[in-house]
Amino acid sequence: MSTPDPTLSDTPAAQRSHHRHAVRIYWEDTDAGGIVFYGNYLKFMERARTEWLRALGFDQEGMRRSGEGMFVVAETQLRYLRPARLDDLLMVTVAVNEVGRASVGFTQQVWRGDVLLTEGRIRIGWVTPVAPPPGAAPDTEPVLKPGRIPPRILACLPEPLADAGAPQD
C-alpha cells in the first residue's frame, strides 16, 4: 500500500479499505481559486484502483496488449463533501464491495487526514477484444465486448467488505 506519510494510515478509512494511495494536489489539479476541479476526483480514484491492481500483480497495459482483455469503467456515482485544495496530501482508498463474473464494484473515498472529502461507488467491467471483420483495414482497432473476468484475476480479488457499500448520507 502506498502511503508516504504515516499520518495517512491513521484515518478511519484505513481500517475499512483494501488499498490506499497518496495523492498530492498540484496547480494542474485546481481551478483559479486553488480548489480541486470536481472531475479530478475520478482521476485520483482511477490511479488508486490501478495501483491496487498493480499491487495484486496485474499489468493492465500488458493484459490489453496481449489481447486478454481489460477493465473499463461502467458506472460512477460520487458525492462531494468538502473541497481539496492546492498542496493538500490526500489518501484515496479502494474497497471492493462486490465481485461478479464480469464486473467489480468499489467504494472509494478521498481523505485529507481524518476529514472525508469525497466518496463514491465505481463499477468496472471486463471487456475482451474481438478481431475486426475480414477485409477490414490493417490498422482497424478491435471492437471491445463484455466478457468474464479471467479466473486468474478473480482468484486474487479480496473478499468484499460488508460495510463498503453505498456512500453515507
N, C-alpha and C. Protein backbone atom coordinates (compact mmCIF):
# COMPACT_ATOMS: atom_id res chain seq x y z
N MET A 1 0.83 -1.17 0.00
CA MET A 1 0.00 0.00 0.00
C MET A 1 0.88 1.23 0.00
N SER A 2 0.51 2.22 -0.77
CA SER A 2 1.37 3.37 -0.93
C SER A 2 0.92 4.52 -0.05
N THR A 3 1.56 4.69 1.09
CA THR A 3 1.26 5.81 1.97
C THR A 3 2.57 6.43 2.43
N PRO A 4 3.10 7.43 1.71
CA PRO A 4 4.37 8.02 2.08
C PRO A 4 4.32 8.78 3.40
N ASP A 5 3.18 9.24 3.82
CA ASP A 5 3.04 9.98 5.07
C ASP A 5 2.35 9.07 6.07
N PRO A 6 3.02 8.71 7.19
CA PRO A 6 2.42 7.77 8.13
C PRO A 6 1.11 8.27 8.72
N THR A 7 0.86 9.57 8.76
CA THR A 7 -0.40 10.06 9.31
C THR A 7 -1.58 9.66 8.44
N LEU A 8 -1.33 9.34 7.17
CA LEU A 8 -2.43 8.94 6.29
C LEU A 8 -3.02 7.60 6.69
N SER A 9 -2.25 6.75 7.34
CA SER A 9 -2.76 5.43 7.70
C SER A 9 -3.59 5.47 8.97
N ASP A 10 -3.72 6.63 9.60
CA ASP A 10 -4.48 6.75 10.84
C ASP A 10 -5.92 7.20 10.62
N THR A 11 -6.37 7.35 9.38
CA THR A 11 -7.73 7.79 9.12
C THR A 11 -8.71 6.65 9.37
N PRO A 12 -9.97 6.98 9.61
CA PRO A 12 -10.96 5.92 9.80
C PRO A 12 -11.05 4.98 8.61
N ALA A 13 -10.83 5.47 7.40
CA ALA A 13 -10.95 4.63 6.21
C ALA A 13 -9.84 3.59 6.13
N ALA A 14 -8.72 3.83 6.77
CA ALA A 14 -7.60 2.92 6.66
C ALA A 14 -7.97 1.51 7.13
N GLN A 15 -8.85 1.42 8.10
CA GLN A 15 -9.23 0.10 8.59
C GLN A 15 -10.27 -0.58 7.69
N ARG A 16 -10.95 0.14 6.82
CA ARG A 16 -12.01 -0.43 6.01
C ARG A 16 -11.72 -0.29 4.52
N SER A 17 -10.50 -0.55 4.13
CA SER A 17 -10.16 -0.49 2.72
C SER A 17 -9.19 -1.61 2.37
N HIS A 18 -9.13 -1.93 1.09
CA HIS A 18 -8.19 -2.94 0.61
C HIS A 18 -6.88 -2.30 0.15
N HIS A 19 -6.93 -1.02 -0.15
CA HIS A 19 -5.73 -0.34 -0.65
C HIS A 19 -5.86 1.15 -0.38
N ARG A 20 -4.71 1.80 -0.19
CA ARG A 20 -4.65 3.25 0.00
C ARG A 20 -3.58 3.81 -0.94
N HIS A 21 -3.88 4.97 -1.50
CA HIS A 21 -2.94 5.60 -2.43
C HIS A 21 -2.87 7.09 -2.12
N ALA A 22 -1.67 7.59 -1.90
CA ALA A 22 -1.49 9.01 -1.59
C ALA A 22 -1.43 9.85 -2.86
N VAL A 23 -2.04 11.02 -2.79
CA VAL A 23 -2.06 11.96 -3.91
C VAL A 23 -1.76 13.36 -3.37
N ARG A 24 -0.81 14.04 -3.97
CA ARG A 24 -0.53 15.45 -3.64
C ARG A 24 -1.27 16.31 -4.66
N ILE A 25 -1.85 17.41 -4.22
CA ILE A 25 -2.59 18.30 -5.11
C ILE A 25 -1.64 19.38 -5.65
N TYR A 26 -1.59 19.46 -7.00
CA TYR A 26 -0.76 20.45 -7.69
C TYR A 26 -1.66 21.46 -8.39
N TRP A 27 -1.05 22.55 -8.88
CA TRP A 27 -1.81 23.58 -9.59
C TRP A 27 -2.66 22.99 -10.69
N GLU A 28 -2.12 22.04 -11.44
CA GLU A 28 -2.85 21.46 -12.57
C GLU A 28 -4.14 20.77 -12.15
N ASP A 29 -4.28 20.44 -10.86
CA ASP A 29 -5.48 19.76 -10.35
C ASP A 29 -6.57 20.74 -9.93
N THR A 30 -6.24 22.04 -9.90
CA THR A 30 -7.15 23.02 -9.29
C THR A 30 -7.70 24.03 -10.29
N ASP A 31 -8.69 24.76 -9.82
CA ASP A 31 -9.21 25.89 -10.59
C ASP A 31 -8.42 27.14 -10.18
N ALA A 32 -8.84 28.29 -10.64
CA ALA A 32 -8.11 29.53 -10.37
C ALA A 32 -8.07 29.88 -8.88
N GLY A 33 -9.00 29.32 -8.10
CA GLY A 33 -9.04 29.59 -6.67
C GLY A 33 -8.26 28.59 -5.84
N GLY A 34 -7.57 27.66 -6.49
CA GLY A 34 -6.78 26.67 -5.76
C GLY A 34 -7.60 25.52 -5.20
N ILE A 35 -8.84 25.34 -5.69
CA ILE A 35 -9.70 24.24 -5.25
C ILE A 35 -9.71 23.18 -6.34
N VAL A 36 -9.65 21.90 -5.93
CA VAL A 36 -9.59 20.80 -6.88
C VAL A 36 -10.85 20.78 -7.75
N PHE A 37 -10.64 20.69 -9.07
CA PHE A 37 -11.72 20.57 -10.05
C PHE A 37 -12.44 19.25 -9.80
N TYR A 38 -13.76 19.27 -9.80
CA TYR A 38 -14.54 18.09 -9.39
C TYR A 38 -14.23 16.83 -10.21
N GLY A 39 -13.96 16.96 -11.50
CA GLY A 39 -13.67 15.79 -12.33
C GLY A 39 -12.37 15.10 -11.97
N ASN A 40 -11.47 15.81 -11.32
CA ASN A 40 -10.17 15.22 -10.98
C ASN A 40 -10.27 14.15 -9.90
N TYR A 41 -11.35 14.16 -9.11
CA TYR A 41 -11.50 13.10 -8.11
C TYR A 41 -11.63 11.74 -8.79
N LEU A 42 -12.26 11.70 -9.96
CA LEU A 42 -12.32 10.43 -10.71
C LEU A 42 -10.94 9.98 -11.14
N LYS A 43 -10.07 10.94 -11.53
CA LYS A 43 -8.69 10.58 -11.88
C LYS A 43 -7.96 10.00 -10.68
N PHE A 44 -8.13 10.64 -9.53
CA PHE A 44 -7.45 10.15 -8.33
C PHE A 44 -7.92 8.74 -7.99
N MET A 45 -9.21 8.49 -8.13
CA MET A 45 -9.75 7.16 -7.85
C MET A 45 -9.25 6.14 -8.85
N GLU A 46 -9.16 6.53 -10.12
CA GLU A 46 -8.63 5.64 -11.16
C GLU A 46 -7.18 5.25 -10.83
N ARG A 47 -6.38 6.23 -10.44
CA ARG A 47 -4.98 5.95 -10.09
C ARG A 47 -4.90 4.97 -8.93
N ALA A 48 -5.75 5.16 -7.92
CA ALA A 48 -5.73 4.26 -6.76
C ALA A 48 -6.10 2.84 -7.16
N ARG A 49 -7.13 2.69 -8.02
CA ARG A 49 -7.50 1.34 -8.47
C ARG A 49 -6.40 0.71 -9.30
N THR A 50 -5.76 1.50 -10.15
CA THR A 50 -4.67 0.99 -10.99
C THR A 50 -3.52 0.51 -10.11
N GLU A 51 -3.15 1.30 -9.11
CA GLU A 51 -2.06 0.90 -8.21
C GLU A 51 -2.44 -0.32 -7.38
N TRP A 52 -3.72 -0.43 -7.03
CA TRP A 52 -4.20 -1.61 -6.30
C TRP A 52 -4.04 -2.85 -7.18
N LEU A 53 -4.49 -2.77 -8.45
CA LEU A 53 -4.33 -3.90 -9.36
C LEU A 53 -2.85 -4.24 -9.56
N ARG A 54 -2.01 -3.22 -9.68
CA ARG A 54 -0.57 -3.44 -9.83
C ARG A 54 -0.02 -4.17 -8.59
N ALA A 55 -0.48 -3.78 -7.40
CA ALA A 55 -0.03 -4.42 -6.17
C ALA A 55 -0.46 -5.89 -6.12
N LEU A 56 -1.58 -6.21 -6.79
CA LEU A 56 -2.03 -7.60 -6.87
C LEU A 56 -1.28 -8.39 -7.94
N GLY A 57 -0.46 -7.68 -8.74
CA GLY A 57 0.36 -8.35 -9.75
C GLY A 57 -0.19 -8.28 -11.17
N PHE A 58 -1.13 -7.38 -11.42
CA PHE A 58 -1.73 -7.28 -12.75
C PHE A 58 -1.30 -6.02 -13.47
N ASP A 59 -0.77 -6.21 -14.65
CA ASP A 59 -0.32 -5.12 -15.52
C ASP A 59 -1.43 -4.88 -16.54
N GLN A 60 -2.19 -3.81 -16.35
CA GLN A 60 -3.34 -3.58 -17.22
C GLN A 60 -2.94 -3.39 -18.68
N GLU A 61 -1.87 -2.67 -18.92
CA GLU A 61 -1.44 -2.45 -20.30
C GLU A 61 -0.97 -3.77 -20.93
N GLY A 62 -0.30 -4.59 -20.16
CA GLY A 62 0.13 -5.90 -20.66
C GLY A 62 -1.04 -6.79 -21.02
N MET A 63 -2.09 -6.78 -20.18
CA MET A 63 -3.28 -7.59 -20.48
C MET A 63 -3.97 -7.08 -21.74
N ARG A 64 -4.01 -5.77 -21.90
CA ARG A 64 -4.63 -5.18 -23.08
C ARG A 64 -3.85 -5.53 -24.34
N ARG A 65 -2.52 -5.31 -24.27
CA ARG A 65 -1.67 -5.57 -25.44
C ARG A 65 -1.67 -7.03 -25.85
N SER A 66 -1.76 -7.92 -24.88
CA SER A 66 -1.73 -9.35 -25.18
C SER A 66 -3.06 -9.83 -25.78
N GLY A 67 -4.08 -9.00 -25.69
CA GLY A 67 -5.39 -9.39 -26.21
C GLY A 67 -6.25 -10.12 -25.20
N GLU A 68 -5.75 -10.25 -23.95
CA GLU A 68 -6.53 -10.94 -22.92
C GLU A 68 -7.80 -10.16 -22.58
N GLY A 69 -7.68 -8.85 -22.51
CA GLY A 69 -8.82 -8.01 -22.17
C GLY A 69 -8.39 -6.90 -21.25
N MET A 70 -9.39 -6.14 -20.76
CA MET A 70 -9.08 -5.04 -19.86
C MET A 70 -10.33 -4.62 -19.10
N PHE A 71 -10.08 -3.89 -18.03
CA PHE A 71 -11.17 -3.32 -17.26
C PHE A 71 -11.51 -1.95 -17.82
N VAL A 72 -12.80 -1.63 -17.85
CA VAL A 72 -13.27 -0.30 -18.23
C VAL A 72 -14.28 0.14 -17.19
N VAL A 73 -14.36 1.44 -16.97
CA VAL A 73 -15.33 1.97 -16.02
C VAL A 73 -16.71 1.88 -16.65
N ALA A 74 -17.64 1.29 -15.91
CA ALA A 74 -19.00 1.11 -16.40
C ALA A 74 -19.98 2.05 -15.71
N GLU A 75 -19.67 2.45 -14.48
CA GLU A 75 -20.62 3.27 -13.72
C GLU A 75 -19.88 4.02 -12.63
N THR A 76 -20.28 5.26 -12.40
CA THR A 76 -19.72 6.06 -11.30
C THR A 76 -20.84 6.81 -10.59
N GLN A 77 -20.65 7.00 -9.31
CA GLN A 77 -21.54 7.82 -8.50
C GLN A 77 -20.66 8.47 -7.44
N LEU A 78 -20.57 9.79 -7.45
CA LEU A 78 -19.72 10.49 -6.49
C LEU A 78 -20.54 11.45 -5.65
N ARG A 79 -20.06 11.67 -4.45
CA ARG A 79 -20.66 12.63 -3.54
C ARG A 79 -19.53 13.49 -3.01
N TYR A 80 -19.66 14.80 -3.20
CA TYR A 80 -18.62 15.76 -2.79
C TYR A 80 -19.04 16.37 -1.46
N LEU A 81 -18.17 16.24 -0.46
CA LEU A 81 -18.49 16.71 0.88
C LEU A 81 -17.73 17.97 1.26
N ARG A 82 -16.44 18.00 0.95
CA ARG A 82 -15.58 19.14 1.25
C ARG A 82 -14.55 19.26 0.14
N PRO A 83 -14.04 20.47 -0.11
CA PRO A 83 -13.06 20.62 -1.19
C PRO A 83 -11.64 20.26 -0.76
N ALA A 84 -10.89 19.72 -1.71
CA ALA A 84 -9.44 19.59 -1.53
C ALA A 84 -8.82 20.84 -2.14
N ARG A 85 -7.66 21.21 -1.65
CA ARG A 85 -7.02 22.45 -2.08
C ARG A 85 -5.57 22.23 -2.47
N LEU A 86 -5.04 23.22 -3.13
CA LEU A 86 -3.65 23.21 -3.57
C LEU A 86 -2.73 22.78 -2.44
N ASP A 87 -1.82 21.83 -2.74
CA ASP A 87 -0.78 21.31 -1.86
C ASP A 87 -1.27 20.35 -0.79
N ASP A 88 -2.58 20.04 -0.76
CA ASP A 88 -3.06 19.03 0.18
C ASP A 88 -2.43 17.68 -0.15
N LEU A 89 -2.22 16.88 0.88
CA LEU A 89 -1.83 15.50 0.71
C LEU A 89 -3.05 14.66 1.06
N LEU A 90 -3.55 13.93 0.09
CA LEU A 90 -4.78 13.17 0.25
C LEU A 90 -4.49 11.68 0.28
N MET A 91 -5.43 10.92 0.84
CA MET A 91 -5.38 9.48 0.76
C MET A 91 -6.65 9.03 0.05
N VAL A 92 -6.47 8.25 -1.00
CA VAL A 92 -7.59 7.70 -1.76
C VAL A 92 -7.67 6.22 -1.43
N THR A 93 -8.84 5.78 -0.97
CA THR A 93 -8.99 4.38 -0.58
C THR A 93 -9.73 3.60 -1.66
N VAL A 94 -9.47 2.31 -1.67
CA VAL A 94 -10.12 1.36 -2.58
C VAL A 94 -10.66 0.24 -1.71
N ALA A 95 -11.97 0.04 -1.75
CA ALA A 95 -12.59 -1.07 -1.02
C ALA A 95 -13.52 -1.81 -1.97
N VAL A 96 -13.24 -3.08 -2.19
CA VAL A 96 -14.11 -3.91 -3.02
C VAL A 96 -15.39 -4.15 -2.25
N ASN A 97 -16.55 -3.88 -2.88
CA ASN A 97 -17.81 -4.17 -2.20
C ASN A 97 -18.65 -5.21 -2.94
N GLU A 98 -18.24 -5.58 -4.15
CA GLU A 98 -18.98 -6.60 -4.89
C GLU A 98 -18.09 -7.18 -5.99
N VAL A 99 -18.09 -8.49 -6.11
CA VAL A 99 -17.34 -9.16 -7.18
C VAL A 99 -18.31 -10.06 -7.94
N GLY A 100 -18.41 -9.82 -9.24
CA GLY A 100 -19.24 -10.66 -10.10
C GLY A 100 -18.35 -11.35 -11.12
N ARG A 101 -18.97 -12.07 -12.04
CA ARG A 101 -18.20 -12.77 -13.07
C ARG A 101 -17.66 -11.82 -14.12
N ALA A 102 -18.32 -10.66 -14.30
CA ALA A 102 -17.92 -9.73 -15.35
C ALA A 102 -17.60 -8.33 -14.84
N SER A 103 -17.82 -8.08 -13.55
CA SER A 103 -17.57 -6.73 -13.04
C SER A 103 -17.19 -6.77 -11.57
N VAL A 104 -16.59 -5.65 -11.13
CA VAL A 104 -16.20 -5.48 -9.74
C VAL A 104 -16.70 -4.11 -9.30
N GLY A 105 -17.35 -4.07 -8.13
CA GLY A 105 -17.83 -2.81 -7.58
C GLY A 105 -16.94 -2.37 -6.43
N PHE A 106 -16.74 -1.06 -6.35
CA PHE A 106 -15.86 -0.48 -5.33
C PHE A 106 -16.57 0.65 -4.61
N THR A 107 -16.19 0.84 -3.36
CA THR A 107 -16.44 2.10 -2.67
C THR A 107 -15.08 2.76 -2.56
N GLN A 108 -15.02 4.01 -2.98
CA GLN A 108 -13.75 4.74 -2.88
C GLN A 108 -13.99 6.05 -2.14
N GLN A 109 -13.00 6.42 -1.35
CA GLN A 109 -13.09 7.65 -0.58
C GLN A 109 -11.79 8.44 -0.73
N VAL A 110 -11.93 9.75 -0.63
CA VAL A 110 -10.78 10.65 -0.66
C VAL A 110 -10.76 11.38 0.67
N TRP A 111 -9.64 11.25 1.38
CA TRP A 111 -9.48 11.81 2.72
C TRP A 111 -8.35 12.82 2.75
N ARG A 112 -8.49 13.84 3.57
CA ARG A 112 -7.40 14.73 3.96
C ARG A 112 -7.29 14.56 5.46
N GLY A 113 -6.26 13.81 5.89
CA GLY A 113 -6.17 13.47 7.31
C GLY A 113 -7.37 12.65 7.70
N ASP A 114 -8.11 13.11 8.72
CA ASP A 114 -9.31 12.38 9.14
C ASP A 114 -10.60 13.02 8.64
N VAL A 115 -10.48 13.88 7.61
CA VAL A 115 -11.65 14.54 7.03
C VAL A 115 -11.99 13.89 5.68
N LEU A 116 -13.19 13.35 5.60
CA LEU A 116 -13.66 12.75 4.35
C LEU A 116 -14.08 13.86 3.40
N LEU A 117 -13.46 13.89 2.21
CA LEU A 117 -13.76 14.94 1.22
C LEU A 117 -14.75 14.49 0.17
N THR A 118 -14.55 13.29 -0.35
CA THR A 118 -15.36 12.77 -1.46
C THR A 118 -15.49 11.27 -1.28
N GLU A 119 -16.65 10.75 -1.64
CA GLU A 119 -16.84 9.31 -1.63
C GLU A 119 -17.66 8.91 -2.85
N GLY A 120 -17.46 7.68 -3.27
CA GLY A 120 -18.19 7.25 -4.45
C GLY A 120 -18.24 5.75 -4.61
N ARG A 121 -19.10 5.37 -5.52
CA ARG A 121 -19.21 3.97 -5.94
C ARG A 121 -18.78 3.92 -7.40
N ILE A 122 -17.91 2.98 -7.69
CA ILE A 122 -17.38 2.80 -9.04
C ILE A 122 -17.56 1.33 -9.41
N ARG A 123 -18.01 1.08 -10.62
CA ARG A 123 -18.09 -0.30 -11.12
C ARG A 123 -17.23 -0.38 -12.37
N ILE A 124 -16.36 -1.39 -12.39
CA ILE A 124 -15.56 -1.65 -13.58
C ILE A 124 -15.99 -2.97 -14.17
N GLY A 125 -16.00 -3.04 -15.49
CA GLY A 125 -16.38 -4.27 -16.18
C GLY A 125 -15.24 -4.76 -17.04
N TRP A 126 -15.23 -6.05 -17.29
CA TRP A 126 -14.19 -6.67 -18.11
C TRP A 126 -14.67 -6.70 -19.56
N VAL A 127 -13.79 -6.31 -20.46
CA VAL A 127 -14.08 -6.38 -21.89
C VAL A 127 -12.94 -7.13 -22.58
N THR A 128 -13.31 -7.82 -23.66
CA THR A 128 -12.32 -8.55 -24.45
C THR A 128 -12.37 -8.05 -25.89
N PRO A 129 -11.23 -8.08 -26.57
CA PRO A 129 -11.23 -7.61 -27.96
C PRO A 129 -11.80 -8.67 -28.91
N VAL A 130 -12.49 -8.19 -29.91
CA VAL A 130 -13.00 -9.05 -30.98
C VAL A 130 -12.29 -8.60 -32.25
N ALA A 131 -11.71 -9.52 -32.97
CA ALA A 131 -10.95 -9.19 -34.18
C ALA A 131 -11.84 -8.46 -35.19
N PRO A 132 -11.26 -7.51 -35.91
CA PRO A 132 -12.02 -6.83 -36.97
C PRO A 132 -12.47 -7.85 -38.03
N PRO A 133 -13.55 -7.55 -38.72
CA PRO A 133 -14.05 -8.49 -39.73
C PRO A 133 -13.03 -8.66 -40.86
N PRO A 134 -13.09 -9.78 -41.56
CA PRO A 134 -12.19 -9.99 -42.71
C PRO A 134 -12.37 -8.85 -43.71
N GLY A 135 -11.25 -8.41 -44.26
CA GLY A 135 -11.28 -7.33 -45.24
C GLY A 135 -11.19 -5.95 -44.63
N ALA A 136 -11.17 -5.85 -43.29
CA ALA A 136 -11.05 -4.53 -42.65
C ALA A 136 -9.64 -4.01 -42.86
N ALA A 137 -9.50 -2.70 -42.82
CA ALA A 137 -8.18 -2.08 -42.97
C ALA A 137 -7.23 -2.65 -41.92
N PRO A 138 -5.94 -2.80 -42.26
CA PRO A 138 -4.98 -3.41 -41.32
C PRO A 138 -4.85 -2.66 -40.00
N ASP A 139 -5.10 -1.37 -40.00
CA ASP A 139 -4.94 -0.60 -38.76
C ASP A 139 -6.25 -0.45 -37.99
N THR A 140 -7.29 -1.22 -38.35
CA THR A 140 -8.58 -1.17 -37.66
C THR A 140 -8.43 -1.72 -36.25
N GLU A 141 -8.87 -0.93 -35.28
CA GLU A 141 -8.82 -1.37 -33.88
C GLU A 141 -9.87 -2.45 -33.64
N PRO A 142 -9.56 -3.42 -32.77
CA PRO A 142 -10.57 -4.43 -32.45
C PRO A 142 -11.74 -3.79 -31.69
N VAL A 143 -12.90 -4.39 -31.83
CA VAL A 143 -14.08 -3.97 -31.08
C VAL A 143 -14.01 -4.63 -29.72
N LEU A 144 -14.45 -3.93 -28.68
CA LEU A 144 -14.44 -4.50 -27.33
C LEU A 144 -15.84 -4.96 -26.97
N LYS A 145 -15.93 -6.17 -26.41
CA LYS A 145 -17.24 -6.67 -25.99
C LYS A 145 -17.14 -7.14 -24.54
N PRO A 146 -18.25 -7.03 -23.81
CA PRO A 146 -18.23 -7.50 -22.42
C PRO A 146 -17.84 -8.97 -22.35
N GLY A 147 -17.10 -9.32 -21.31
CA GLY A 147 -16.67 -10.70 -21.12
C GLY A 147 -16.58 -11.02 -19.65
N ARG A 148 -16.18 -12.24 -19.36
CA ARG A 148 -16.00 -12.67 -17.97
C ARG A 148 -14.57 -12.36 -17.52
N ILE A 149 -14.45 -11.94 -16.29
CA ILE A 149 -13.13 -11.68 -15.72
C ILE A 149 -12.37 -13.00 -15.68
N PRO A 150 -11.13 -13.03 -16.17
CA PRO A 150 -10.36 -14.28 -16.16
C PRO A 150 -10.24 -14.86 -14.74
N PRO A 151 -10.32 -16.19 -14.63
CA PRO A 151 -10.23 -16.84 -13.31
C PRO A 151 -8.97 -16.46 -12.54
N ARG A 152 -7.85 -16.26 -13.23
CA ARG A 152 -6.60 -15.91 -12.52
C ARG A 152 -6.72 -14.57 -11.81
N ILE A 153 -7.54 -13.67 -12.34
CA ILE A 153 -7.76 -12.37 -11.68
C ILE A 153 -8.76 -12.54 -10.55
N LEU A 154 -9.87 -13.24 -10.82
CA LEU A 154 -10.88 -13.46 -9.78
C LEU A 154 -10.28 -14.12 -8.54
N ALA A 155 -9.33 -15.04 -8.77
CA ALA A 155 -8.71 -15.76 -7.65
C ALA A 155 -7.92 -14.83 -6.73
N CYS A 156 -7.47 -13.70 -7.24
CA CYS A 156 -6.66 -12.78 -6.45
C CYS A 156 -7.46 -11.65 -5.80
N LEU A 157 -8.71 -11.51 -6.17
CA LEU A 157 -9.51 -10.42 -5.62
C LEU A 157 -9.88 -10.71 -4.17
N PRO A 158 -9.83 -9.70 -3.31
CA PRO A 158 -10.16 -9.92 -1.91
C PRO A 158 -11.67 -10.09 -1.72
N GLU A 159 -12.03 -10.63 -0.58
CA GLU A 159 -13.44 -10.72 -0.22
C GLU A 159 -14.01 -9.31 -0.11
N PRO A 160 -15.21 -9.10 -0.62
CA PRO A 160 -15.83 -7.77 -0.48
C PRO A 160 -16.02 -7.41 0.98
N LEU A 161 -15.86 -6.13 1.27
CA LEU A 161 -16.08 -5.64 2.64
C LEU A 161 -17.57 -5.37 2.81
N ALA A 162 -18.14 -5.94 3.88
CA ALA A 162 -19.58 -5.84 4.09
C ALA A 162 -20.06 -4.42 4.23
N ASP A 163 -19.30 -3.56 4.89
CA ASP A 163 -19.79 -2.19 5.11
C ASP A 163 -19.17 -1.20 4.14
N ALA A 164 -18.67 -1.69 3.00
CA ALA A 164 -18.10 -0.80 1.99
C ALA A 164 -19.14 -0.54 0.90
N GLY A 165 -20.38 -0.37 1.31
CA GLY A 165 -21.47 -0.18 0.36
C GLY A 165 -21.61 1.23 -0.13
N ALA A 166 -22.83 1.68 -0.26
CA ALA A 166 -23.14 2.98 -0.83
C ALA A 166 -22.58 4.11 0.04
N PRO A 167 -22.30 5.25 -0.58
CA PRO A 167 -21.87 6.41 0.18
C PRO A 167 -22.86 6.74 1.28
N GLN A 168 -22.33 7.18 2.41
CA GLN A 168 -23.16 7.50 3.56
C GLN A 168 -23.81 8.85 3.42
N ASP A 169 -25.01 8.99 4.00
CA ASP A 169 -25.70 10.29 3.99
C ASP A 169 -25.24 11.16 5.12
